[in-house]
Amino acid sequence: MYGLQEKEDLITSNLGRGTFAATFFLARLAALGMDAMRMEDL
């Protein structure tokens, strides 16, 4: 998965708190097939 090694419980915990690294966010955008995102959409 895009070279990231994340354990499910860590992902669940981070999403629950609403905190995660930018690399995690960018990898998820890539997994969704998104190559761009507008700042006002955040």
C-alpha atoms as a PDB file:
ATOM      1  CA  MET A   1       0.000   0.000   0.000  1.00  0.00           C
ATOM      2  CA  TYR A   2       2.156   2.829  -1.302  1.00  0.00           C
ATOM      3  CA  GLY A   3       5.085   1.743   0.864  1.00  0.00           C
ATOM      4  CA  LEU A   4       3.362   2.566   4.149  1.00  0.00           C
ATOM      5  CA  GLN A   5       3.256  -0.010   6.890  1.00  0.00           C
ATOM      6  CA  GLU A   6       0.455   0.882   9.293  1.00  0.00           C
ATOM      7  CA  LYS A   7      -1.276  -1.409  11.736  1.00  0.00           C
ATOM      8  CA  GLU A   8      -5.059  -1.403  11.773  1.00  0.00           C
ATOM      9  CA  ASP A   9      -5.324  -0.401  15.441  1.00  0.00           C
ATOM     10  CA  LEU A  10      -3.037   2.602  14.865  1.00  0.00           C
ATOM     11  CA  ILE A  11      -5.108   3.718  11.872  1.00  0.00           C
ATOM     12  CA  THR A  12      -8.335   3.317  13.845  1.00  0.00           C
ATOM     13  CA  SER A  13      -6.908   5.277  16.768  1.00  0.00           C
ATOM     14  CA  ASN A  14      -5.621   8.113  14.578  1.00  0.00           C
ATOM     15  CA  LEU A  15      -8.875   8.418  12.654  1.00  0.00           C
ATOM     16  CA  GLY A  16     -10.856   8.370  15.883  1.00  0.00           C
ATOM     17  CA  ARG A  17      -8.812  11.290  17.216  1.00  0.00           C
ATOM     18  CA  GLY A  18      -8.845  13.052  13.854  1.00  0.00           C
ATOM     19  CA  THR A  19      -5.054  13.156  13.741  1.00  0.00           C
ATOM     20  CA  PHE A  20      -2.765  11.527  11.208  1.00  0.00           C
ATOM     21  CA  ALA A  21       0.398  12.309   9.284  1.00  0.00           C
ATOM     22  CA  ALA A  22       0.342  14.070   5.935  1.00  0.00           C
ATOM     23  CA  THR A  23       1.911  10.961   4.378  1.00  0.00           C
ATOM     24  CA  PHE A  24      -1.089   8.935   5.543  1.00  0.00           C
ATOM     25  CA  PHE A  25      -3.471  11.496   4.057  1.00  0.00           C
ATOM     26  CA  LEU A  26      -1.633  11.649   0.723  1.00  0.00           C
ATOM     27  CA  ALA A  27      -1.452   7.858   0.470  1.00  0.00           C
ATOM     28  CA  ARG A  28      -5.217   7.639   0.993  1.00  0.00           C
ATOM     29  CA  LEU A  29      -5.825  10.247  -1.701  1.00  0.00           C
ATOM     30  CA  ALA A  30      -3.654   8.207  -4.068  1.00  0.00           C
ATOM     31  CA  ALA A  31      -5.530   5.030  -3.127  1.00  0.00           C
ATOM     32  CA  LEU A  32      -8.775   6.792  -4.022  1.00  0.00           C
ATOM     33  CA  GLY A  33      -7.305   7.764  -7.390  1.00  0.00           C
ATOM     34  CA  MET A  34      -7.226  11.469  -6.590  1.00  0.00           C
ATOM     35  CA  ASP A  35      -4.311  13.408  -8.047  1.00  0.00           C
ATOM     36  CA  ALA A  36      -5.384  16.812  -6.702  1.00  0.00           C
ATOM     37  CA  MET A  37      -7.463  18.379  -3.965  1.00  0.00           C
ATOM     38  CA  ARG A  38      -8.546  21.976  -3.555  1.00  0.00           C
ATOM     39  CA  MET A  39      -7.761  23.575  -0.205  1.00  0.00           C
ATOM     40  CA  GLU A  40     -11.316  24.871   0.145  1.00  0.00           C
ATOM     41  CA  ASP A  41     -12.546  21.261  -0.027  1.00  0.00           C
ATOM     42  CA  LEU A  42     -10.692  20.384   3.180  1.00  0.00           C
END
